[in-house]
């Protein structure tokens, strides 16, 4: 770690000493929080308010306050001295006179410290990045005023350039230096993955998260990604990652994986040059002669491969993101487009591109919306359903109990028909903030697909029954109507097939 302290830290310390909380003087002389329990009580006696003292000590100090303090307080991890040393090291990473290579080397030294640090010590580094490397508010205000004053004049362009520069925070430069050393990109992605669960409990970290997401959106743009086919001949270390990251249908064994990479299957992933052996997202495809209605035969290791010379349909049956730290960075739409183009070039007979997708939010949605769905029934349908579930008129609890074991319902069951209609409504009508409620529907419909067909018993696994009563859905990518479907979605209309439309009218 670098121990030199830049002059600007000393100036900041002098400027901020006036805000040092008086509670610092009550801490123990060994640099840790005072342990005797009677000290807060004595402090409370001075002003007669225990509540006020507890409230004051419970509020986390900013890094500005901690940097000018002498002792740590309460649950703080790094002592003020250690915090100042870490800040100096971070500042040395972006020192103006330091070259990119040297800055990367210094960033790597900080990353090595981070690897050995405790979780709360890591949080202290995040807080330093948020609070000590923020944009200069005064400079931004001045640049904005100049830009507003220059509107419509010949100086507008230069004023915009100044405003853009004022918006760039020192934090951006700091994070860019961390990306320089060989494992730097891996470090930043993993750091954000560790940061994300903390955002709800500590809003001070939001700025760092937003900065990372913005940088990742640029660094991981599709223009910089490589589409690669993954096969049984790929390195074992890469195949192990497919097993690890598969998020839709768990890969149970090497035999299961080999089946998914057989001659009638394809698996493609996006890769970034700074993470060469790490798929960012991958998709599994089955080549068939029809749209598949069930995941069971696709995962059947004993099934004979399809004759790919007769295949006319490509079924996307699993799409998995692998990097939690890249949340908010979209690859999926570009991945599907690239895969469709690649498959069409290899198999000119392919005419249909569709998915076989789970409906992960359906059961939870129905648990809340079953009463409203029952209200939509006319008297005849309500009576039929009542006789089927054994209660007239049927209530939501009766209906939900009747469909709890969906695989036992026969094809003509009113409860089964009602469940299909509810699923059609969930996928084809229900919107939240102008977007489909279901996460998978939101992805595929946002990419221009349409809701094509519901499949009863499509996923009879325990997971499938828990998520969606075993239902699966096909989303169809009609290459000639993708733009039309996107336009419909922008107008708040969910594109559906005639079959789904008939269920919505049921």
Protein backbone atom coordinates (compact mmCIF):
# COMPACT_ATOMS: atom_id res chain seq x y z
CA UNK A 1 0.00 0.00 0.00
CA UNK A 2 1.21 3.56 -0.75
CA UNK A 3 1.62 5.70 2.36
CA UNK A 4 2.27 9.16 0.96
CA UNK A 5 -0.53 11.66 1.66
CA UNK A 6 -1.38 14.18 -1.08
CA UNK A 7 -1.71 17.84 -0.05
CA UNK A 8 -5.43 17.90 -0.90
CA UNK A 9 -6.11 15.36 1.89
CA UNK A 10 -4.34 17.60 4.41
CA UNK A 11 -6.37 20.57 3.24
CA UNK A 12 -9.57 18.53 3.48
CA UNK A 13 -8.68 17.46 7.01
CA UNK A 14 -8.14 21.08 8.08
CA UNK A 15 -11.40 22.18 6.47
CA UNK A 16 -13.43 19.39 8.03
CA UNK A 17 -12.08 19.43 11.60
CA UNK A 18 -14.92 21.71 12.59
CA UNK A 19 -17.44 18.94 11.99
CA UNK A 20 -15.77 16.31 14.21
CA UNK A 21 -18.52 14.92 16.48
CA UNK A 22 -17.98 15.48 20.17
CA UNK A 23 -18.62 11.78 20.68
CA UNK A 24 -15.12 11.06 19.31
CA UNK A 25 -13.63 12.40 22.52
CA UNK A 26 -15.59 9.81 24.49
CA UNK A 27 -14.00 6.89 22.67
CA UNK A 28 -11.33 4.72 24.15
CA UNK A 29 -7.71 5.73 23.92
CA UNK A 30 -6.68 2.63 21.97
CA UNK A 31 -8.35 3.75 18.72
CA UNK A 32 -11.47 1.62 19.24
CA UNK A 33 -14.91 2.49 20.47
CA UNK A 34 -15.20 2.97 24.23
CA UNK A 35 -16.46 -0.25 25.78
CA UNK A 36 -17.78 0.73 29.25
CA UNK A 37 -21.55 1.00 29.10
CA UNK A 38 -21.77 3.87 31.59
CA UNK A 39 -20.21 6.50 29.32
CA UNK A 40 -23.27 6.96 27.07
CA UNK A 41 -25.36 7.11 30.24
CA UNK A 42 -23.18 9.91 31.67
CA UNK A 43 -23.40 11.77 28.38
CA UNK A 44 -27.15 11.40 28.45
CA UNK A 45 -27.29 12.78 31.97
CA UNK A 46 -25.66 15.99 30.76
CA UNK A 47 -28.65 16.96 28.62
CA UNK A 48 -31.27 14.72 30.19
CA UNK A 49 -32.09 12.78 27.00
CA UNK A 50 -30.98 9.17 26.55
CA UNK A 51 -32.98 8.94 23.30
CA UNK A 52 -31.18 11.87 21.72
CA UNK A 53 -27.75 10.47 22.51
CA UNK A 54 -28.63 7.00 21.20
CA UNK A 55 -30.04 8.53 18.02
CA UNK A 56 -26.89 10.61 17.48
CA UNK A 57 -24.50 7.70 17.98
CA UNK A 58 -26.64 5.43 15.76
CA UNK A 59 -26.33 7.71 12.71
CA UNK A 60 -23.37 6.55 10.60
CA UNK A 61 -20.64 9.13 10.21
CA UNK A 62 -19.71 10.12 6.70
CA UNK A 63 -16.20 9.45 5.49
CA UNK A 64 -15.63 13.22 5.67
CA UNK A 65 -16.26 13.08 9.42
CA UNK A 66 -14.28 9.90 9.94
CA UNK A 67 -11.24 11.16 8.03
CA UNK A 68 -10.76 14.10 10.41
CA UNK A 69 -11.47 12.07 13.54
CA UNK A 70 -8.94 10.51 15.87
CA UNK A 71 -10.74 7.34 16.89
CA UNK A 72 -13.21 4.94 15.38
CA UNK A 73 -16.73 4.82 16.78
CA UNK A 74 -19.27 2.06 17.27
CA UNK A 75 -19.52 -0.37 14.36
CA UNK A 76 -17.05 1.44 12.12
CA UNK A 77 -14.49 -0.95 10.67
CA UNK A 78 -11.35 0.93 9.65
CA UNK A 79 -9.89 3.37 12.16
CA UNK A 80 -9.56 7.00 10.98
CA UNK A 81 -5.82 6.48 10.50
CA UNK A 82 -6.36 3.36 8.35
CA UNK A 83 -9.14 5.12 6.45
CA UNK A 84 -6.84 8.05 5.65
CA UNK A 85 -4.14 5.62 4.49
CA UNK A 86 -6.61 3.83 2.19
CA UNK A 87 -7.84 7.16 0.81
CA UNK A 88 -4.25 8.17 0.07
CA UNK A 89 -3.70 4.90 -1.80
CA UNK A 90 -6.84 5.43 -3.88
CA UNK A 91 -5.83 9.00 -4.65
CA UNK A 92 -2.40 7.84 -5.76
CA UNK A 93 -4.09 5.60 -8.31
CA UNK A 94 -5.48 8.65 -10.14
CA UNK A 95 -2.72 11.14 -9.40
CA UNK A 96 -2.34 13.43 -12.48
CA UNK A 97 1.36 12.71 -12.94
CA UNK A 98 0.86 8.92 -12.88
CA UNK A 99 0.73 7.05 -16.20
CA UNK A 100 -2.03 4.58 -17.11
CA UNK A 101 0.27 1.62 -16.57
CA UNK A 102 1.57 2.86 -13.22
CA UNK A 103 -1.97 3.78 -12.16
CA UNK A 104 -3.07 0.26 -13.04
CA UNK A 105 -0.22 -1.18 -10.96
CA UNK A 106 -1.25 0.90 -7.97
CA UNK A 107 -4.88 -0.10 -8.46
CA UNK A 108 -3.77 -3.72 -8.44
CA UNK A 109 -2.06 -3.15 -5.07
CA UNK A 110 -5.35 -1.79 -3.69
CA UNK A 111 -7.18 -4.79 -5.17
CA UNK A 112 -4.76 -7.11 -3.35
CA UNK A 113 -5.54 -5.33 -0.07
CA UNK A 114 -9.26 -5.64 -0.87
CA UNK A 115 -8.96 -9.40 -1.43
CA UNK A 116 -7.68 -9.85 2.12
CA UNK A 117 -10.04 -7.31 3.70
CA UNK A 118 -13.08 -8.11 5.82
CA UNK A 119 -16.56 -7.30 4.42
CA UNK A 120 -16.93 -4.15 6.55
CA UNK A 121 -13.46 -2.98 5.50
CA UNK A 122 -14.49 -3.41 1.89
CA UNK A 123 -17.60 -1.34 2.57
CA UNK A 124 -15.35 1.42 3.88
CA UNK A 125 -13.53 1.44 0.54
CA UNK A 126 -16.85 1.67 -1.31
CA UNK A 127 -17.85 4.62 0.88
CA UNK A 128 -14.56 6.37 0.14
CA UNK A 129 -15.17 5.89 -3.58
CA UNK A 130 -18.69 7.31 -3.24
CA UNK A 131 -18.02 10.29 -1.01
CA UNK A 132 -14.41 11.29 -1.74
CA UNK A 133 -14.42 10.90 -5.52
CA UNK A 134 -17.74 12.57 -6.33
CA UNK A 135 -18.14 15.25 -9.02
CA UNK A 136 -17.28 18.83 -8.05
CA UNK A 137 -20.70 20.38 -7.37
CA UNK A 138 -19.41 23.95 -7.69
CA UNK A 139 -17.77 23.25 -11.04
CA UNK A 140 -20.90 21.51 -12.31
CA UNK A 141 -23.16 24.40 -11.23
CA UNK A 142 -20.91 26.92 -12.96
CA UNK A 143 -20.73 24.83 -16.16
CA UNK A 144 -24.49 24.40 -16.21
CA UNK A 145 -25.05 28.14 -15.86
CA UNK A 146 -22.63 28.83 -18.73
CA UNK A 147 -24.39 26.24 -20.87
CA UNK A 148 -27.83 27.73 -20.18
CA UNK A 149 -26.53 31.23 -20.91
CA UNK A 150 -24.92 30.07 -24.18
CA UNK A 151 -28.07 28.38 -25.54
CA UNK A 152 -28.69 29.46 -29.14
CA UNK A 153 -25.35 31.22 -29.46
CA UNK A 154 -22.09 30.31 -31.18
CA UNK A 155 -20.66 29.37 -27.77
CA UNK A 156 -23.24 26.65 -27.13
CA UNK A 157 -21.04 23.80 -28.40
CA UNK A 158 -18.06 24.76 -26.23
CA UNK A 159 -20.34 25.26 -23.24
CA UNK A 160 -21.76 21.77 -23.74
CA UNK A 161 -18.26 20.32 -23.81
CA UNK A 162 -17.47 22.05 -20.51
CA UNK A 163 -20.70 20.75 -18.98
CA UNK A 164 -19.93 17.19 -20.06
CA UNK A 165 -16.46 17.41 -18.54
CA UNK A 166 -17.88 18.78 -15.29
CA UNK A 167 -20.18 15.78 -15.07
CA UNK A 168 -17.27 13.32 -15.15
CA UNK A 169 -16.42 12.41 -11.59
CA UNK A 170 -12.95 11.50 -10.29
CA UNK A 171 -14.61 8.17 -9.48
CA UNK A 172 -14.87 7.42 -13.19
CA UNK A 173 -11.14 7.85 -13.61
CA UNK A 174 -10.48 5.73 -10.54
CA UNK A 175 -12.58 2.83 -11.82
CA UNK A 176 -10.98 3.08 -15.26
CA UNK A 177 -7.56 2.62 -13.65
CA UNK A 178 -8.79 -0.54 -11.91
CA UNK A 179 -9.72 -1.91 -15.34
CA UNK A 180 -6.12 -1.54 -16.55
CA UNK A 181 -4.40 -4.45 -14.82
CA UNK A 182 -5.01 -7.98 -16.22
CA UNK A 183 -7.57 -9.10 -13.62
CA UNK A 184 -9.01 -5.63 -13.17
CA UNK A 185 -12.26 -6.21 -15.07
CA UNK A 186 -12.88 -9.39 -13.09
CA UNK A 187 -12.23 -7.42 -9.90
CA UNK A 188 -14.75 -4.69 -10.78
CA UNK A 189 -17.49 -7.12 -11.84
CA UNK A 190 -17.06 -9.15 -8.65
CA UNK A 191 -16.97 -6.00 -6.54
CA UNK A 192 -20.31 -4.85 -7.94
CA UNK A 193 -21.82 -8.29 -7.34
CA UNK A 194 -20.79 -7.93 -3.70
CA UNK A 195 -22.09 -4.36 -3.58
CA UNK A 196 -25.58 -4.92 -5.00
CA UNK A 197 -27.18 -6.63 -1.96
CA UNK A 198 -26.08 -3.70 0.23
CA UNK A 199 -27.85 -0.96 -1.73
CA UNK A 200 -31.20 -1.20 0.04
CA UNK A 201 -29.67 -0.86 3.49
CA UNK A 202 -27.09 1.83 2.62
CA UNK A 203 -28.19 4.42 0.06
CA UNK A 204 -24.77 6.07 0.24
CA UNK A 205 -23.50 3.34 -2.08
CA UNK A 206 -25.92 4.11 -4.91
CA UNK A 207 -23.54 6.51 -6.66
CA UNK A 208 -20.80 3.87 -6.95
CA UNK A 209 -23.28 1.31 -8.25
CA UNK A 210 -24.63 3.73 -10.86
CA UNK A 211 -21.10 4.60 -12.01
CA UNK A 212 -20.16 0.94 -12.38
CA UNK A 213 -23.34 0.13 -14.30
CA UNK A 214 -22.73 3.03 -16.69
CA UNK A 215 -19.13 2.00 -17.32
CA UNK A 216 -20.09 -1.65 -17.80
CA UNK A 217 -22.76 -0.63 -20.33
CA UNK A 218 -19.97 0.87 -22.42
CA UNK A 219 -17.25 -1.71 -21.79
CA UNK A 220 -19.60 -4.64 -22.43
CA UNK A 221 -21.38 -3.18 -25.43
CA UNK A 222 -22.21 -5.85 -28.01
CA UNK A 223 -19.69 -4.28 -30.40
CA UNK A 224 -16.92 -5.54 -28.10
CA UNK A 225 -18.34 -9.01 -27.51
CA UNK A 226 -17.58 -12.23 -29.38
CA UNK A 227 -20.23 -14.86 -30.11
CA UNK A 228 -18.77 -18.35 -29.66
CA UNK A 229 -20.30 -21.77 -30.03
CA UNK A 230 -19.81 -24.06 -27.04
CA UNK A 231 -19.58 -27.76 -27.80
CA UNK A 232 -18.60 -31.02 -26.16
CA UNK A 233 -15.09 -30.36 -27.50
CA UNK A 234 -14.80 -27.07 -25.59
CA UNK A 235 -12.34 -26.98 -22.65
CA UNK A 236 -13.58 -28.80 -19.56
CA UNK A 237 -13.14 -25.63 -17.49
CA UNK A 238 -15.60 -23.87 -19.78
CA UNK A 239 -18.10 -26.74 -19.70
CA UNK A 240 -17.98 -26.68 -15.91
CA UNK A 241 -19.09 -23.06 -16.05
CA UNK A 242 -22.12 -24.02 -18.13
CA UNK A 243 -23.10 -26.42 -15.36
CA UNK A 244 -22.46 -23.78 -12.71
CA UNK A 245 -24.34 -20.93 -14.37
CA UNK A 246 -27.34 -22.75 -15.91
CA UNK A 247 -30.26 -20.88 -14.32
CA UNK A 248 -33.38 -22.26 -16.04
CA UNK A 249 -33.06 -26.07 -16.09
CA UNK A 250 -30.35 -27.39 -13.79
CA UNK A 251 -27.72 -29.56 -15.46
CA UNK A 252 -27.74 -32.74 -13.40
CA UNK A 253 -24.67 -34.52 -14.74
CA UNK A 254 -22.06 -34.66 -17.46
CA UNK A 255 -24.40 -36.97 -19.41
CA UNK A 256 -27.10 -34.30 -19.18
CA UNK A 257 -24.65 -31.68 -20.46
CA UNK A 258 -23.51 -33.93 -23.31
CA UNK A 259 -27.14 -34.35 -24.37
CA UNK A 260 -27.54 -30.57 -24.51
CA UNK A 261 -24.47 -30.32 -26.74
CA UNK A 262 -25.40 -33.19 -29.09
CA UNK A 263 -25.50 -32.96 -32.88
CA UNK A 264 -29.08 -31.63 -32.93
CA UNK A 265 -28.32 -28.95 -30.35
CA UNK A 266 -26.44 -25.71 -30.30
CA UNK A 267 -25.12 -23.62 -27.43
CA UNK A 268 -23.78 -20.11 -27.93
CA UNK A 269 -22.31 -17.56 -25.54
CA UNK A 270 -21.11 -13.98 -25.54
CA UNK A 271 -17.51 -13.44 -24.40
CA UNK A 272 -15.53 -10.29 -23.58
CA UNK A 273 -11.80 -10.08 -24.41
CA UNK A 274 -10.95 -9.13 -20.81
CA UNK A 275 -12.87 -12.18 -19.51
CA UNK A 276 -11.85 -14.64 -22.26
CA UNK A 277 -12.93 -17.89 -20.59
CA UNK A 278 -16.07 -16.59 -18.92
CA UNK A 279 -19.38 -16.64 -20.83
CA UNK A 280 -21.38 -13.52 -19.96
CA UNK A 281 -24.62 -15.08 -21.16
CA UNK A 282 -25.40 -18.28 -23.05
CA UNK A 283 -28.36 -19.77 -24.84
CA UNK A 284 -29.23 -23.43 -25.44
CA UNK A 285 -31.01 -24.33 -28.68
CA UNK A 286 -32.76 -27.47 -29.90
CA UNK A 287 -33.18 -28.11 -33.64
CA UNK A 288 -36.57 -29.76 -34.31
CA UNK A 289 -39.26 -30.26 -36.91
CA UNK A 290 -41.98 -28.49 -34.87
CA UNK A 291 -42.46 -26.08 -31.97
CA UNK A 292 -41.83 -28.02 -28.77
CA UNK A 293 -44.55 -28.17 -26.12
CA UNK A 294 -42.61 -29.86 -23.30
CA UNK A 295 -39.16 -29.59 -21.80
CA UNK A 296 -39.12 -33.29 -20.84
CA UNK A 297 -38.10 -34.75 -24.25
CA UNK A 298 -35.52 -32.00 -24.71
CA UNK A 299 -33.81 -33.03 -21.48
CA UNK A 300 -34.19 -36.77 -22.07
CA UNK A 301 -30.65 -38.14 -22.23
CA UNK A 302 -31.86 -41.39 -23.84
CA UNK A 303 -33.68 -39.69 -26.71
CA UNK A 304 -32.18 -40.18 -30.18
CA UNK A 305 -30.83 -37.02 -31.85
CA UNK A 306 -33.06 -35.36 -34.44
CA UNK A 307 -31.98 -35.52 -38.08
CA UNK A 308 -30.81 -31.93 -38.42
CA UNK A 309 -31.11 -32.07 -42.22
CA UNK A 310 -34.90 -32.13 -41.67
CA UNK A 311 -34.99 -29.53 -38.91
CA UNK A 312 -37.08 -26.46 -39.68
CA UNK A 313 -37.49 -25.05 -36.16
CA UNK A 314 -35.03 -23.66 -33.65
CA UNK A 315 -36.23 -23.73 -30.04
CA UNK A 316 -34.46 -21.51 -27.50
CA UNK A 317 -35.13 -23.39 -24.28
CA UNK A 318 -32.67 -21.82 -21.84
CA UNK A 319 -31.02 -18.42 -21.59
CA UNK A 320 -28.76 -17.79 -18.59
CA UNK A 321 -26.91 -14.65 -17.48
CA UNK A 322 -23.76 -15.59 -15.60
CA UNK A 323 -22.43 -12.41 -14.00
CA UNK A 324 -24.42 -10.88 -11.15
CA UNK A 325 -22.13 -7.86 -11.27
CA UNK A 326 -23.38 -7.03 -14.78
CA UNK A 327 -27.00 -6.65 -13.69
CA UNK A 328 -28.67 -3.95 -15.76
CA UNK A 329 -26.39 -4.55 -18.76
CA UNK A 330 -28.50 -6.15 -21.48
CA UNK A 331 -27.02 -8.84 -23.72
CA UNK A 332 -30.01 -11.07 -24.37
CA UNK A 333 -31.64 -9.27 -27.28
CA UNK A 334 -28.36 -9.02 -29.17
CA UNK A 335 -27.52 -12.64 -28.36
CA UNK A 336 -30.78 -13.93 -29.86
CA UNK A 337 -30.35 -11.83 -33.00
CA UNK A 338 -26.79 -13.05 -33.52
CA UNK A 339 -27.76 -16.66 -32.88
CA UNK A 340 -30.70 -16.47 -35.30
CA UNK A 341 -28.38 -15.11 -37.99
CA UNK A 342 -25.77 -17.79 -37.30
CA UNK A 343 -28.32 -20.63 -37.34
CA UNK A 344 -30.00 -19.35 -40.51
CA UNK A 345 -26.63 -19.32 -42.27
CA UNK A 346 -25.81 -22.87 -41.14
CA UNK A 347 -29.31 -24.33 -41.66
CA UNK A 348 -31.14 -22.63 -44.55
CA UNK A 349 -34.21 -24.86 -43.93
CA UNK A 350 -34.93 -23.19 -40.61
CA UNK A 351 -38.11 -21.14 -40.83
CA UNK A 352 -39.37 -20.95 -37.24
CA UNK A 353 -37.55 -19.42 -34.29
CA UNK A 354 -39.32 -19.78 -30.97
CA UNK A 355 -38.73 -20.35 -27.28
CA UNK A 356 -39.95 -22.87 -24.76
CA UNK A 357 -40.00 -20.68 -21.69
CA UNK A 358 -40.95 -20.90 -18.01
CA UNK A 359 -43.52 -18.56 -16.46
CA UNK A 360 -41.74 -17.92 -13.15
CA UNK A 361 -44.10 -15.36 -11.66
CA UNK A 362 -47.46 -16.95 -12.53
CA UNK A 363 -48.31 -18.87 -9.35
CA UNK A 364 -47.49 -15.90 -7.12
CA UNK A 365 -49.53 -13.58 -9.36
CA UNK A 366 -52.54 -15.90 -9.37
CA UNK A 367 -52.45 -16.16 -5.59
CA UNK A 368 -53.12 -12.42 -5.46
CA UNK A 369 -55.40 -12.05 -8.48
CA UNK A 370 -57.59 -15.16 -8.41
CA UNK A 371 -60.58 -13.27 -6.89
CA UNK A 372 -60.52 -10.69 -9.69
CA UNK A 373 -60.21 -13.41 -12.34
CA UNK A 374 -63.25 -15.25 -10.91
CA UNK A 375 -65.24 -12.02 -11.06
CA UNK A 376 -64.78 -12.01 -14.84
CA UNK A 377 -66.76 -15.26 -15.26
CA UNK A 378 -70.37 -15.19 -16.39
CA UNK A 379 -73.02 -17.10 -14.42
CA UNK A 380 -72.78 -20.22 -16.58
CA UNK A 381 -68.98 -20.48 -16.33
CA UNK A 382 -69.07 -19.75 -12.59
CA UNK A 383 -71.59 -22.54 -12.03
CA UNK A 384 -69.51 -25.01 -14.07
CA UNK A 385 -66.40 -24.16 -12.13
CA UNK A 386 -68.30 -24.40 -8.85
CA UNK A 387 -69.48 -27.90 -9.63
CA UNK A 388 -65.93 -28.89 -10.61
CA UNK A 389 -64.35 -27.64 -7.38
CA UNK A 390 -67.25 -28.72 -5.14
CA UNK A 391 -68.32 -25.26 -3.94
CA UNK A 392 -70.98 -22.97 -5.39
CA UNK A 393 -70.34 -20.19 -5.88
CA UNK A 394 -66.61 -20.94 -6.00
CA UNK A 395 -64.24 -18.70 -4.07
CA UNK A 396 -60.60 -18.06 -4.85
CA UNK A 397 -59.46 -20.51 -2.17
CA UNK A 398 -61.59 -23.30 -3.72
CA UNK A 399 -60.18 -22.67 -7.19
CA UNK A 400 -56.57 -22.49 -6.01
CA UNK A 401 -56.96 -25.72 -4.05
CA UNK A 402 -58.45 -27.47 -7.12
CA UNK A 403 -55.50 -26.53 -9.36
CA UNK A 404 -52.79 -27.16 -6.76
CA UNK A 405 -52.16 -30.57 -8.38
CA UNK A 406 -52.61 -29.56 -12.02
CA UNK A 407 -51.30 -32.77 -13.58
CA UNK A 408 -54.30 -34.62 -12.10
CA UNK A 409 -56.80 -32.46 -14.01
CA UNK A 410 -58.23 -33.96 -17.21
CA UNK A 411 -58.37 -32.10 -20.49
CA UNK A 412 -62.05 -31.09 -20.12
CA UNK A 413 -61.80 -29.88 -16.52
CA UNK A 414 -63.29 -26.38 -16.01
CA UNK A 415 -60.56 -25.72 -13.44
CA UNK A 416 -57.89 -26.55 -16.01
CA UNK A 417 -59.52 -24.27 -18.59
CA UNK A 418 -59.76 -21.49 -16.03
CA UNK A 419 -56.08 -21.87 -15.16
CA UNK A 420 -55.14 -21.56 -18.84
CA UNK A 421 -57.26 -18.43 -19.18
CA UNK A 422 -55.62 -16.93 -16.11
CA UNK A 423 -52.17 -17.64 -17.58
CA UNK A 424 -53.19 -16.07 -20.89
CA UNK A 425 -54.38 -12.96 -19.04
CA UNK A 426 -51.15 -12.81 -17.03
CA UNK A 427 -48.99 -13.00 -20.16
CA UNK A 428 -51.19 -11.20 -22.66
CA UNK A 429 -52.97 -8.45 -20.73
CA UNK A 430 -51.43 -7.65 -17.37
CA UNK A 431 -49.00 -4.74 -17.40
CA UNK A 432 -46.92 -3.06 -14.73
CA UNK A 433 -45.55 0.39 -15.55
CA UNK A 434 -46.38 -0.30 -19.19
CA UNK A 435 -44.40 -3.55 -19.30
CA UNK A 436 -45.32 -7.25 -18.95
CA UNK A 437 -45.45 -8.39 -15.32
CA UNK A 438 -43.55 -11.61 -15.94
CA UNK A 439 -39.77 -11.15 -16.18
CA UNK A 440 -39.32 -13.68 -19.00
CA UNK A 441 -42.24 -12.21 -20.95
CA UNK A 442 -40.76 -8.75 -20.45
CA UNK A 443 -37.51 -9.93 -22.00
CA UNK A 444 -38.91 -11.72 -25.05
CA UNK A 445 -41.77 -9.33 -25.83
CA UNK A 446 -39.36 -6.43 -25.43
CA UNK A 447 -37.22 -8.07 -28.12
CA UNK A 448 -40.13 -8.27 -30.56
CA UNK A 449 -41.53 -11.76 -29.95
CA UNK A 450 -45.20 -12.56 -29.39
CA UNK A 451 -46.96 -14.89 -26.95
CA UNK A 452 -47.63 -17.89 -29.19
CA UNK A 453 -48.92 -20.87 -27.18
CA UNK A 454 -49.44 -22.15 -23.64
CA UNK A 455 -48.35 -25.72 -22.95
CA UNK A 456 -50.11 -27.75 -20.25
CA UNK A 457 -47.67 -29.90 -18.28
CA UNK A 458 -44.76 -28.39 -20.21
CA UNK A 459 -42.55 -28.56 -17.11
CA UNK A 460 -43.76 -31.25 -14.68
CA UNK A 461 -40.72 -30.85 -12.43
CA UNK A 462 -41.09 -29.66 -8.85
CA UNK A 463 -39.69 -26.28 -9.87
CA UNK A 464 -42.11 -25.97 -12.80
CA UNK A 465 -45.11 -26.86 -10.63
CA UNK A 466 -44.03 -24.41 -7.95
CA UNK A 467 -43.56 -21.53 -10.39
CA UNK A 468 -46.40 -21.96 -12.86
CA UNK A 469 -48.45 -25.11 -12.15
CA UNK A 470 -46.28 -26.87 -14.76
CA UNK A 471 -47.27 -24.49 -17.56
CA UNK A 472 -44.74 -23.33 -20.14
CA UNK A 473 -45.10 -20.84 -22.97
CA UNK A 474 -43.77 -20.51 -26.50
CA UNK A 475 -42.70 -17.04 -27.59
CA UNK A 476 -42.44 -16.79 -31.37
CA UNK A 477 -39.85 -14.63 -33.11
CA UNK A 478 -41.50 -13.80 -36.43
CA UNK A 479 -38.59 -12.04 -38.14
CA UNK A 480 -40.92 -10.03 -40.41
CA UNK A 481 -43.01 -8.69 -37.52
CA UNK A 482 -40.46 -7.96 -34.80
CA UNK A 483 -40.64 -4.19 -35.33
CA UNK A 484 -44.45 -4.32 -35.41
CA UNK A 485 -44.56 -6.21 -32.13
CA UNK A 486 -42.19 -3.73 -30.50
CA UNK A 487 -44.39 -0.87 -31.66
CA UNK A 488 -47.44 -2.58 -30.15
CA UNK A 489 -45.65 -2.99 -26.85
CA UNK A 490 -44.67 0.68 -26.85
CA UNK A 491 -48.40 1.46 -27.14
CA UNK A 492 -49.22 -0.75 -24.16
CA UNK A 493 -50.51 -3.68 -26.23
CA UNK A 494 -49.02 -7.13 -25.72
CA UNK A 495 -48.64 -9.07 -29.01
CA UNK A 496 -50.35 -12.47 -28.81
CA UNK A 497 -51.35 -15.22 -31.25
CA UNK A 498 -54.93 -16.11 -32.19
CA UNK A 499 -54.79 -19.10 -29.83
CA UNK A 500 -53.92 -16.88 -26.86
CA UNK A 501 -56.53 -14.34 -27.96
CA UNK A 502 -59.22 -17.03 -27.84
CA UNK A 503 -58.27 -17.83 -24.24
CA UNK A 504 -58.49 -14.15 -23.37
CA UNK A 505 -62.04 -14.07 -24.73
CA UNK A 506 -63.00 -17.20 -22.80
